[in-house]
Amino acid sequence: MSDFAKKLRTLRKARGLSQTELAHVLHYGYTAIGNYECGRNEPCLDDLIRLADYFEVTTDELLGREFPRRKKEHEEGKKEELF
């Protein structure tokens, strides 16, 4: 199971929603959320943003991405050269 699938399931369950209920709220087909959670399908960019907005998280959080080095440097007041 992908990080996205795990995070989506965790967020959905935290809201007390079934897969069908979440699909209904977002106007998706009734199997869409189940397919995302088991890894059969992945959302397009627009749907990823829609899910992130609904759960009030960033798309990076929804994808399970973390940037510990940048977070640590930010906390220490360091700047990183990007280019």
PDB file of N, CA and C in Angstrom:
ATOM      1  N   MET A   1       0.848  -1.177   0.000  1.00  0.00           N
ATOM      2  CA  MET A   1       0.000   0.000   0.000  1.00  0.00           C
ATOM      3  C   MET A   1       0.896   1.244   0.000  1.00  0.00           C
ATOM      4  N   SER A   2       0.576   2.192  -0.860  1.00  0.00           N
ATOM      5  CA  SER A   2       1.370   3.419  -0.965  1.00  0.00           C
ATOM      6  C   SER A   2       1.144   4.334   0.236  1.00  0.00           C
ATOM      7  N   ASP A   3       2.080   5.275   0.408  1.00  0.00           N
ATOM      8  CA  ASP A   3       1.912   6.265   1.478  1.00  0.00           C
ATOM      9  C   ASP A   3       0.624   7.045   1.284  1.00  0.00           C
ATOM     10  N   PHE A   4       0.307   7.383   0.019  1.00  0.00           N
ATOM     11  CA  PHE A   4      -0.936   8.101  -0.267  1.00  0.00           C
ATOM     12  C   PHE A   4      -2.145   7.287   0.186  1.00  0.00           C
ATOM     13  N   ALA A   5      -2.183   6.010  -0.168  1.00  0.00           N
ATOM     14  CA  ALA A   5      -3.313   5.155   0.190  1.00  0.00           C
ATOM     15  C   ALA A   5      -3.487   5.073   1.709  1.00  0.00           C
ATOM     16  N   LYS A   6      -2.367   4.908   2.416  1.00  0.00           N
ATOM     17  CA  LYS A   6      -2.420   4.826   3.882  1.00  0.00           C
ATOM     18  C   LYS A   6      -2.925   6.139   4.493  1.00  0.00           C
ATOM     19  N   LYS A   7      -2.398   7.243   3.993  1.00  0.00           N
ATOM     20  CA  LYS A   7      -2.780   8.547   4.536  1.00  0.00           C
ATOM     21  C   LYS A   7      -4.252   8.837   4.257  1.00  0.00           C
ATOM     22  N   LEU A   8      -4.706   8.530   3.046  1.00  0.00           N
ATOM     23  CA  LEU A   8      -6.113   8.751   2.700  1.00  0.00           C
ATOM     24  C   LEU A   8      -7.016   7.946   3.629  1.00  0.00           C
ATOM     25  N   ARG A   9      -6.691   6.685   3.831  1.00  0.00           N
ATOM     26  CA  ARG A   9      -7.504   5.836   4.717  1.00  0.00           C
ATOM     27  C   ARG A   9      -7.514   6.395   6.141  1.00  0.00           C
ATOM     28  N   THR A  10      -6.351   6.809   6.625  1.00  0.00           N
ATOM     29  CA  THR A  10      -6.250   7.365   7.979  1.00  0.00           C
ATOM     30  C   THR A  10      -7.102   8.621   8.123  1.00  0.00           C
ATOM     31  N   LEU A  11      -6.996   9.524   7.158  1.00  0.00           N
ATOM     32  CA  LEU A  11      -7.765  10.771   7.212  1.00  0.00           C
ATOM     33  C   LEU A  11      -9.268  10.509   7.119  1.00  0.00           C
ATOM     34  N   ARG A  12      -9.645   9.597   6.242  1.00  0.00           N
ATOM     35  CA  ARG A  12     -11.071   9.273   6.079  1.00  0.00           C
ATOM     36  C   ARG A  12     -11.641   8.691   7.365  1.00  0.00           C
ATOM     37  N   LYS A  13     -10.922   7.741   7.947  1.00  0.00           N
ATOM     38  CA  LYS A  13     -11.403   7.107   9.176  1.00  0.00           C
ATOM     39  C   LYS A  13     -11.452   8.101  10.329  1.00  0.00           C
ATOM     40  N   ALA A  14     -10.501   9.036  10.372  1.00  0.00           N
ATOM     41  CA  ALA A  14     -10.499  10.055  11.426  1.00  0.00           C
ATOM     42  C   ALA A  14     -11.744  10.928  11.349  1.00  0.00           C
ATOM     43  N   ARG A  15     -12.292  11.081  10.163  1.00  0.00           N
ATOM     44  CA  ARG A  15     -13.536  11.849   9.993  1.00  0.00           C
ATOM     45  C   ARG A  15     -14.775  10.983  10.189  1.00  0.00           C
ATOM     46  N   GLY A  16     -14.565   9.698  10.400  1.00  0.00           N
ATOM     47  CA  GLY A  16     -15.691   8.791  10.624  1.00  0.00           C
ATOM     48  C   GLY A  16     -16.505   8.521   9.376  1.00  0.00           C
ATOM     49  N   LEU A  17     -15.860   8.559   8.213  1.00  0.00           N
ATOM     50  CA  LEU A  17     -16.560   8.365   6.947  1.00  0.00           C
ATOM     51  C   LEU A  17     -16.254   7.001   6.345  1.00  0.00           C
ATOM     52  N   SER A  18     -17.245   6.413   5.710  1.00  0.00           N
ATOM     53  CA  SER A  18     -17.005   5.216   4.912  1.00  0.00           C
ATOM     54  C   SER A  18     -16.435   5.657   3.567  1.00  0.00           C
ATOM     55  N   GLN A  19     -15.918   4.714   2.803  1.00  0.00           N
ATOM     56  CA  GLN A  19     -15.420   5.043   1.468  1.00  0.00           C
ATOM     57  C   GLN A  19     -16.540   5.611   0.598  1.00  0.00           C
ATOM     58  N   THR A  20     -17.704   5.023   0.680  1.00  0.00           N
ATOM     59  CA  THR A  20     -18.851   5.475  -0.106  1.00  0.00           C
ATOM     60  C   THR A  20     -19.286   6.878   0.303  1.00  0.00           C
ATOM     61  N   GLU A  21     -19.294   7.154   1.593  1.00  0.00           N
ATOM     62  CA  GLU A  21     -19.684   8.485   2.068  1.00  0.00           C
ATOM     63  C   GLU A  21     -18.715   9.557   1.579  1.00  0.00           C
ATOM     64  N   LEU A  22     -17.411   9.278   1.652  1.00  0.00           N
ATOM     65  CA  LEU A  22     -16.433  10.251   1.169  1.00  0.00           C
ATOM     66  C   LEU A  22     -16.589  10.458  -0.331  1.00  0.00           C
ATOM     67  N   ALA A  23     -16.783   9.389  -1.065  1.00  0.00           N
ATOM     68  CA  ALA A  23     -16.990   9.505  -2.513  1.00  0.00           C
ATOM     69  C   ALA A  23     -18.214  10.381  -2.803  1.00  0.00           C
ATOM     70  N   HIS A  24     -19.271  10.190  -2.045  1.00  0.00           N
ATOM     71  CA  HIS A  24     -20.498  10.983  -2.240  1.00  0.00           C
ATOM     72  C   HIS A  24     -20.245  12.468  -1.963  1.00  0.00           C
ATOM     73  N   VAL A  25     -19.557  12.764  -0.872  1.00  0.00           N
ATOM     74  CA  VAL A  25     -19.261  14.150  -0.496  1.00  0.00           C
ATOM     75  C   VAL A  25     -18.458  14.853  -1.595  1.00  0.00           C
ATOM     76  N   LEU A  26     -17.524  14.123  -2.206  1.00  0.00           N
ATOM     77  CA  LEU A  26     -16.652  14.703  -3.223  1.00  0.00           C
ATOM     78  C   LEU A  26     -17.190  14.542  -4.646  1.00  0.00           C
ATOM     79  N   HIS A  27     -18.394  13.946  -4.761  1.00  0.00           N
ATOM     80  CA  HIS A  27     -19.032  13.725  -6.066  1.00  0.00           C
ATOM     81  C   HIS A  27     -18.210  12.801  -6.960  1.00  0.00           C
ATOM     82  N   TYR A  28     -17.636  11.748  -6.363  1.00  0.00           N
ATOM     83  CA  TYR A  28     -16.899  10.720  -7.089  1.00  0.00           C
ATOM     84  C   TYR A  28     -17.805   9.507  -7.247  1.00  0.00           C
ATOM     85  N   GLY A  29     -17.410   8.595  -8.115  1.00  0.00           N
ATOM     86  CA  GLY A  29     -18.096   7.317  -8.195  1.00  0.00           C
ATOM     87  C   GLY A  29     -17.926   6.578  -6.874  1.00  0.00           C
ATOM     88  N   TYR A  30     -18.868   5.707  -6.557  1.00  0.00           N
ATOM     89  CA  TYR A  30     -18.854   5.077  -5.237  1.00  0.00           C
ATOM     90  C   TYR A  30     -17.650   4.169  -4.992  1.00  0.00           C
ATOM     91  N   THR A  31     -16.939   3.733  -6.036  1.00  0.00           N
ATOM     92  CA  THR A  31     -15.770   2.872  -5.844  1.00  0.00           C
ATOM     93  C   THR A  31     -14.445   3.633  -5.882  1.00  0.00           C
ATOM     94  N   ALA A  32     -14.474   4.918  -6.189  1.00  0.00           N
ATOM     95  CA  ALA A  32     -13.237   5.692  -6.388  1.00  0.00           C
ATOM     96  C   ALA A  32     -12.329   5.664  -5.164  1.00  0.00           C
ATOM     97  N   ILE A  33     -12.871   5.918  -3.995  1.00  0.00           N
ATOM     98  CA  ILE A  33     -12.045   5.982  -2.788  1.00  0.00           C
ATOM     99  C   ILE A  33     -11.457   4.613  -2.477  1.00  0.00           C
ATOM    100  N   GLY A  34     -12.237   3.575  -2.606  1.00  0.00           N
ATOM    101  CA  GLY A  34     -11.739   2.214  -2.385  1.00  0.00           C
ATOM    102  C   GLY A  34     -10.604   1.876  -3.337  1.00  0.00           C
ATOM    103  N   ASN A  35     -10.739   2.297  -4.582  1.00  0.00           N
ATOM    104  CA  ASN A  35      -9.674   2.055  -5.561  1.00  0.00           C
ATOM    105  C   ASN A  35      -8.410   2.829  -5.224  1.00  0.00           C
ATOM    106  N   TYR A  36      -8.547   4.046  -4.713  1.00  0.00           N
ATOM    107  CA  TYR A  36      -7.379   4.810  -4.265  1.00  0.00           C
ATOM    108  C   TYR A  36      -6.708   4.121  -3.082  1.00  0.00           C
ATOM    109  N   GLU A  37      -7.522   3.696  -2.127  1.00  0.00           N
ATOM    110  CA  GLU A  37      -6.979   3.130  -0.885  1.00  0.00           C
ATOM    111  C   GLU A  37      -6.318   1.768  -1.079  1.00  0.00           C
ATOM    112  N   CYS A  38      -6.729   1.018  -2.078  1.00  0.00           N
ATOM    113  CA  CYS A  38      -6.086  -0.289  -2.301  1.00  0.00           C
ATOM    114  C   CYS A  38      -4.994  -0.199  -3.364  1.00  0.00           C
ATOM    115  N   GLY A  39      -4.798   0.986  -3.941  1.00  0.00           N
ATOM    116  CA  GLY A  39      -3.716   1.180  -4.891  1.00  0.00           C
ATOM    117  C   GLY A  39      -4.044   0.828  -6.329  1.00  0.00           C
ATOM    118  N   ARG A  40      -5.309   0.503  -6.625  1.00  0.00           N
ATOM    119  CA  ARG A  40      -5.695   0.202  -8.004  1.00  0.00           C
ATOM    120  C   ARG A  40      -5.624   1.434  -8.893  1.00  0.00           C
ATOM    121  N   ASN A  41      -5.965   2.570  -8.340  1.00  0.00           N
ATOM    122  CA  ASN A  41      -5.943   3.838  -9.080  1.00  0.00           C
ATOM    123  C   ASN A  41      -5.240   4.896  -8.244  1.00  0.00           C
ATOM    124  N   GLU A  42      -4.765   5.921  -8.935  1.00  0.00           N
ATOM    125  CA  GLU A  42      -4.207   7.096  -8.272  1.00  0.00           C
ATOM    126  C   GLU A  42      -4.959   8.321  -8.783  1.00  0.00           C
ATOM    127  N   PRO A  43      -5.142   9.316  -7.927  1.00  0.00           N
ATOM    128  CA  PRO A  43      -5.897  10.497  -8.360  1.00  0.00           C
ATOM    129  C   PRO A  43      -5.096  11.355  -9.333  1.00  0.00           C
ATOM    130  N   CYS A  44      -5.816  12.030 -10.221  1.00  0.00           N
ATOM    131  CA  CYS A  44      -5.163  13.029 -11.064  1.00  0.00           C
ATOM    132  C   CYS A  44      -4.825  14.223 -10.166  1.00  0.00           C
ATOM    133  N   LEU A  45      -4.063  15.155 -10.681  1.00  0.00           N
ATOM    134  CA  LEU A  45      -3.620  16.297  -9.883  1.00  0.00           C
ATOM    135  C   LEU A  45      -4.799  17.088  -9.321  1.00  0.00           C
ATOM    136  N   ASP A  46      -5.815  17.332 -10.139  1.00  0.00           N
ATOM    137  CA  ASP A  46      -6.986  18.079  -9.657  1.00  0.00           C
ATOM    138  C   ASP A  46      -7.681  17.361  -8.503  1.00  0.00           C
ATOM    139  N   ASP A  47      -7.797  16.035  -8.605  1.00  0.00           N
ATOM    140  CA  ASP A  47      -8.450  15.277  -7.527  1.00  0.00           C
ATOM    141  C   ASP A  47      -7.575  15.223  -6.280  1.00  0.00           C
ATOM    142  N   LEU A  48      -6.270  15.167  -6.462  1.00  0.00           N
ATOM    143  CA  LEU A  48      -5.353  15.187  -5.319  1.00  0.00           C
ATOM    144  C   LEU A  48      -5.514  16.497  -4.546  1.00  0.00           C
ATOM    145  N   ILE A  49      -5.585  17.600  -5.263  1.00  0.00           N
ATOM    146  CA  ILE A  49      -5.791  18.911  -4.631  1.00  0.00           C
ATOM    147  C   ILE A  49      -7.142  18.960  -3.939  1.00  0.00           C
ATOM    148  N   ARG A  50      -8.141  18.424  -4.571  1.00  0.00           N
ATOM    149  CA  ARG A  50      -9.491  18.405  -3.985  1.00  0.00           C
ATOM    150  C   ARG A  50      -9.517  17.618  -2.678  1.00  0.00           C
ATOM    151  N   LEU A  51      -8.856  16.461  -2.668  1.00  0.00           N
ATOM    152  CA  LEU A  51      -8.781  15.658  -1.448  1.00  0.00           C
ATOM    153  C   LEU A  51      -8.017  16.399  -0.352  1.00  0.00           C
ATOM    154  N   ALA A  52      -6.890  17.003  -0.722  1.00  0.00           N
ATOM    155  CA  ALA A  52      -6.100  17.753   0.258  1.00  0.00           C
ATOM    156  C   ALA A  52      -6.909  18.903   0.844  1.00  0.00           C
ATOM    157  N   ASP A  53      -7.626  19.616  -0.005  1.00  0.00           N
ATOM    158  CA  ASP A  53      -8.473  20.718   0.475  1.00  0.00           C
ATOM    159  C   ASP A  53      -9.554  20.207   1.420  1.00  0.00           C
ATOM    160  N   TYR A  54     -10.182  19.110   1.062  1.00  0.00           N
ATOM    161  CA  TYR A  54     -11.250  18.554   1.902  1.00  0.00           C
ATOM    162  C   TYR A  54     -10.719  18.204   3.293  1.00  0.00           C
ATOM    163  N   PHE A  55      -9.552  17.570   3.339  1.00  0.00           N
ATOM    164  CA  PHE A  55      -8.990  17.142   4.621  1.00  0.00           C
ATOM    165  C   PHE A  55      -8.138  18.211   5.292  1.00  0.00           C
ATOM    166  N   GLU A  56      -8.010  19.367   4.643  1.00  0.00           N
ATOM    167  CA  GLU A  56      -7.252  20.493   5.180  1.00  0.00           C
ATOM    168  C   GLU A  56      -5.798  20.106   5.473  1.00  0.00           C
ATOM    169  N   VAL A  57      -5.178  19.453   4.503  1.00  0.00           N
ATOM    170  CA  VAL A  57      -3.767  19.096   4.556  1.00  0.00           C
ATOM    171  C   VAL A  57      -3.126  19.544   3.244  1.00  0.00           C
ATOM    172  N   THR A  58      -1.801  19.559   3.202  1.00  0.00           N
ATOM    173  CA  THR A  58      -1.134  19.877   1.950  1.00  0.00           C
ATOM    174  C   THR A  58      -1.103  18.625   1.075  1.00  0.00           C
ATOM    175  N   THR A  59      -0.870  18.828  -0.209  1.00  0.00           N
ATOM    176  CA  THR A  59      -0.746  17.673  -1.098  1.00  0.00           C
ATOM    177  C   THR A  59       0.480  16.840  -0.698  1.00  0.00           C
ATOM    178  N   ASP A  60       1.548  17.488  -0.246  1.00  0.00           N
ATOM    179  CA  ASP A  60       2.715  16.745   0.220  1.00  0.00           C
ATOM    180  C   ASP A  60       2.354  15.848   1.401  1.00  0.00           C
ATOM    181  N   GLU A  61       1.590  16.370   2.338  1.00  0.00           N
ATOM    182  CA  GLU A  61       1.167  15.557   3.486  1.00  0.00           C
ATOM    183  C   GLU A  61       0.313  14.386   3.021  1.00  0.00           C
ATOM    184  N   LEU A  62      -0.590  14.645   2.092  1.00  0.00           N
ATOM    185  CA  LEU A  62      -1.470  13.596   1.592  1.00  0.00           C
ATOM    186  C   LEU A  62      -0.670  12.512   0.877  1.00  0.00           C
ATOM    187  N   LEU A  63       0.410  12.895   0.234  1.00  0.00           N
ATOM    188  CA  LEU A  63       1.269  11.931  -0.451  1.00  0.00           C
ATOM    189  C   LEU A  63       2.260  11.258   0.489  1.00  0.00           C
ATOM    190  N   GLY A  64       2.293  11.694   1.746  1.00  0.00           N
ATOM    191  CA  GLY A  64       3.184  11.091   2.730  1.00  0.00           C
ATOM    192  C   GLY A  64       4.604  11.604   2.653  1.00  0.00           C
ATOM    193  N   ARG A  65       4.788  12.758   2.031  1.00  0.00           N
ATOM    194  CA  ARG A  65       6.134  13.317   1.881  1.00  0.00           C
ATOM    195  C   ARG A  65       6.527  14.111   3.108  1.00  0.00           C
ATOM    196  N   GLU A  66       7.794  13.956   3.505  1.00  0.00           N
ATOM    197  CA  GLU A  66       8.349  14.711   4.623  1.00  0.00           C
ATOM    198  C   GLU A  66       9.720  15.229   4.211  1.00  0.00           C
ATOM    199  N   PHE A  67      10.088  16.346   4.736  1.00  0.00           N
ATOM    200  CA  PHE A  67      11.368  16.955   4.437  1.00  0.00           C
ATOM    201  C   PHE A  67      12.091  17.290   5.735  1.00  0.00           C
ATOM    202  N   PRO A  68      12.563  16.286   6.459  1.00  0.00           N
ATOM    203  CA  PRO A  68      13.145  16.547   7.779  1.00  0.00           C
ATOM    204  C   PRO A  68      14.377  17.446   7.725  1.00  0.00           C
ATOM    205  N   ARG A  69      15.218  17.331   6.707  1.00  0.00           N
ATOM    206  CA  ARG A  69      16.417  18.158   6.627  1.00  0.00           C
ATOM    207  C   ARG A  69      16.050  19.625   6.474  1.00  0.00           C
ATOM    208  N   ARG A  70      15.122  19.912   5.591  1.00  0.00           N
ATOM    209  CA  ARG A  70      14.699  21.298   5.387  1.00  0.00           C
ATOM    210  C   ARG A  70      14.030  21.855   6.630  1.00  0.00           C
ATOM    211  N   LYS A  71      13.220  21.033   7.278  1.00  0.00           N
ATOM    212  CA  LYS A  71      12.559  21.479   8.499  1.00  0.00           C
ATOM    213  C   LYS A  71      13.595  21.831   9.562  1.00  0.00           C
ATOM    214  N   LYS A  72      14.609  20.986   9.706  1.00  0.00           N
ATOM    215  CA  LYS A  72      15.655  21.225  10.697  1.00  0.00           C
ATOM    216  C   LYS A  72      16.427  22.500  10.360  1.00  0.00           C
ATOM    217  N   GLU A  73      16.759  22.678   9.069  1.00  0.00           N
ATOM    218  CA  GLU A  73      17.494  23.874   8.666  1.00  0.00           C
ATOM    219  C   GLU A  73      16.646  25.125   8.877  1.00  0.00           C
ATOM    220  N   HIS A  74      15.366  25.017   8.615  1.00  0.00           N
ATOM    221  CA  HIS A  74      14.475  26.160   8.826  1.00  0.00           C
ATOM    222  C   HIS A  74      14.432  26.543  10.302  1.00  0.00           C
ATOM    223  N   GLU A  75      14.339  25.537  11.152  1.00  0.00           N
ATOM    224  CA  GLU A  75      14.298  25.794  12.589  1.00  0.00           C
ATOM    225  C   GLU A  75      15.598  26.416  13.089  1.00  0.00           C
ATOM    226  N   GLU A  76      16.705  26.054  12.438  1.00  0.00           N
ATOM    227  CA  GLU A  76      18.003  26.581  12.853  1.00  0.00           C
ATOM    228  C   GLU A  76      18.316  27.906  12.156  1.00  0.00           C
ATOM    229  N   GLY A  77      17.437  28.374  11.278  1.00  0.00           N
ATOM    230  CA  GLY A  77      17.644  29.649  10.602  1.00  0.00           C
ATOM    231  C   GLY A  77      18.600  29.596   9.434  1.00  0.00           C
ATOM    232  N   LYS A  78      18.881  28.416   8.914  1.00  0.00           N
ATOM    233  CA  LYS A  78      19.790  28.273   7.774  1.00  0.00           C
ATOM    234  C   LYS A  78      18.979  28.353   6.482  1.00  0.00           C
ATOM    235  N   LYS A  79      19.636  28.810   5.423  1.00  0.00           N
ATOM    236  CA  LYS A  79      19.025  28.850   4.103  1.00  0.00           C
ATOM    237  C   LYS A  79      19.779  27.907   3.191  1.00  0.00           C
ATOM    238  N   GLU A  80      19.031  27.259   2.324  1.00  0.00           N
ATOM    239  CA  GLU A  80      19.620  26.315   1.403  1.00  0.00           C
ATOM    240  C   GLU A  80      19.590  26.885  -0.011  1.00  0.00           C
ATOM    241  N   GLU A  81      20.684  26.730  -0.724  1.00  0.00           N
ATOM    242  CA  GLU A  81      20.732  27.146  -2.125  1.00  0.00           C
ATOM    243  C   GLU A  81      19.976  26.113  -2.951  1.00  0.00           C
ATOM    244  N   LEU A  82      18.965  26.554  -3.690  1.00  0.00           N
ATOM    245  CA  LEU A  82      18.176  25.635  -4.495  1.00  0.00           C
ATOM    246  C   LEU A  82      18.747  25.448  -5.884  1.00  0.00           C
ATOM    247  N   PHE A  83      19.469  26.437  -6.404  1.00  0.00           N
ATOM    248  CA  PHE A  83      20.003  26.325  -7.759  1.00  0.00           C
ATOM    249  C   PHE A  83      21.470  26.600  -7.774  1.00  0.00           C
TER     250      PHE A  83
END
